[in-house]
Protein backbone atom coordinates (compact mmCIF):
# COMPACT_ATOMS: atom_id res chain seq x y z
CA MET A 1 99.53 100.38 123.17
CA PRO A 2 102.93 102.39 122.37
CA LYS A 3 103.08 105.71 123.08
CA PRO A 4 103.33 108.00 120.05
CA LEU A 5 107.17 108.82 120.43
CA GLU A 6 107.79 104.80 120.79
CA HIS A 7 105.43 104.49 117.59
CA GLU A 8 107.53 107.07 115.58
CA ALA A 9 110.58 105.46 116.44
CA GLY A 10 109.40 102.09 115.18
CA ASN A 11 108.06 103.64 111.69
CA ARG A 12 111.65 105.29 111.61
CA ASP A 13 113.17 101.87 112.17
CA SER A 14 110.78 100.06 109.77
CA ASP A 15 111.69 103.19 107.01
CA ARG A 16 115.58 102.04 107.07
CA ARG A 17 114.66 98.40 106.67
CA ARG A 18 112.78 99.04 103.87
CA GLY A 19 115.35 101.07 102.29
CA SER A 20 114.41 104.13 100.09
CA ALA A 21 111.35 104.68 97.29
CA ARG A 22 114.79 104.54 94.53
CA GLU A 23 116.17 101.06 96.22
CA ARG A 24 112.52 99.61 95.96
CA GLY A 25 112.71 100.46 92.24
CA TYR A 26 110.83 103.51 92.21
CA ASN A 27 113.34 104.74 89.41
CA THR A 28 113.08 107.20 86.49
CA ARG A 29 111.87 103.91 84.48
CA TRP A 30 108.93 103.50 87.04
CA ASP A 31 107.93 107.51 86.86
CA LYS A 32 107.77 107.18 83.26
CA ALA A 33 106.06 104.11 83.41
CA ARG A 34 103.51 105.58 85.87
CA LYS A 35 102.64 108.59 83.73
CA ILE A 36 101.88 106.14 80.86
CA TYR A 37 99.58 104.27 83.26
CA LEU A 38 97.66 106.89 84.36
CA GLN A 39 97.20 108.55 81.12
CA HIS A 40 95.60 105.44 79.93
CA ASN A 41 93.66 104.64 83.13
CA PRO A 42 93.06 108.20 84.28
CA LEU A 43 90.25 107.57 87.35
CA CYS A 44 90.33 105.79 90.77
CA VAL A 45 89.15 102.06 90.42
CA MET A 46 87.67 102.65 93.96
CA CYS A 47 85.82 106.04 93.39
CA GLN A 48 84.68 104.27 90.37
CA LYS A 49 83.32 101.35 92.55
CA GLU A 50 81.44 103.77 94.67
CA GLY A 51 80.03 105.30 91.37
CA ARG A 52 82.05 108.79 91.85
CA VAL A 53 83.91 109.35 89.12
CA THR A 54 87.63 111.08 90.44
CA PRO A 55 91.22 111.75 89.05
CA ALA A 56 93.69 108.98 89.94
CA THR A 57 96.97 110.64 91.08
CA VAL A 58 98.34 107.09 92.23
CA VAL A 59 99.43 104.00 90.55
CA ASP A 60 99.28 101.20 92.84
CA HIS A 61 100.39 97.91 93.21
CA ILE A 62 97.44 95.50 94.15
CA LYS A 63 99.36 92.71 95.50
CA PRO A 64 102.69 94.08 97.67
CA HIS A 65 105.50 93.42 95.46
CA LYS A 66 108.18 93.05 98.32
CA GLY A 67 111.46 93.54 96.18
CA ASP A 68 109.70 90.91 93.43
CA THR A 69 110.77 92.47 90.01
CA ALA A 70 108.09 90.79 88.28
CA LEU A 71 105.55 91.50 90.33
CA PHE A 72 106.53 95.02 90.73
CA TRP A 73 106.18 95.47 86.69
CA ASP A 74 103.00 93.43 86.30
CA ILE A 75 101.30 95.97 84.65
CA GLU A 76 98.25 93.77 83.58
CA ASP A 77 97.36 92.20 86.59
CA ASN A 78 98.89 94.26 89.37
CA TRP A 79 98.47 97.91 88.76
CA GLN A 80 95.61 100.01 89.45
CA SER A 81 95.00 103.84 89.23
CA LEU A 82 93.82 105.31 93.01
CA CYS A 83 93.16 108.58 94.20
CA ALA A 84 95.49 109.85 97.22
CA PRO A 85 92.75 109.26 99.71
CA HIS A 86 92.19 105.68 98.87
CA HIS A 87 95.75 105.08 98.41
CA ASN A 88 96.54 106.78 101.63
CA ARG A 89 93.95 105.36 103.71
CA ASP A 90 91.73 102.52 102.47
CA LYS A 91 94.74 100.85 100.56
CA GLN A 92 97.14 100.98 103.62
CA ARG A 93 94.32 99.65 105.90
CA GLU A 94 93.70 96.34 103.93
CA GLU A 95 97.58 95.77 103.64
CA ARG A 96 97.88 96.16 107.76
CA GLY A 97 95.02 93.39 107.57
CA ARG A 98 91.81 95.73 109.00
CA ILE A 99 90.09 95.05 105.89
CA GLN A 100 89.47 91.56 105.21
CA ALA A 101 87.95 92.34 101.23
CA LEU A 102 85.72 94.28 99.50
CA GLY A 103 82.17 93.67 99.27
CA GLU A 104 80.31 93.80 95.89
CA ASP A 105 79.40 97.57 96.24
CA GLY A 106 83.10 98.58 96.78
CA TRP A 107 82.81 99.32 100.11
CA PRO A 108 85.50 97.71 102.33
CA ILE A 109 84.30 94.75 105.09
CA TYR A 110 86.40 95.50 108.28
CA SER A 111 87.96 92.55 110.30
């Protein structure tokens, strides 16, 4: 297991390789589209699956776009509204491969 300082240095290297948010497409056009999307889709879809009503604050790409602009702007099939906790905790775990899928009840199935 890496030491915390080694882990932090690895994160900084990864962030440098990824580029800034603006370099990855999160620009003024994104800001406007995100705002409109949240107006039309104001609730966290993961909370709804859990039977809760929570305002969404994040527009999430269901499939990571990894620089693919078509996937980045695929509003119909690749965007979802999430609350910050679901985006920052559950979605990140899912993308790192710790969650295989979501069950019918909306809860994650861990690998």
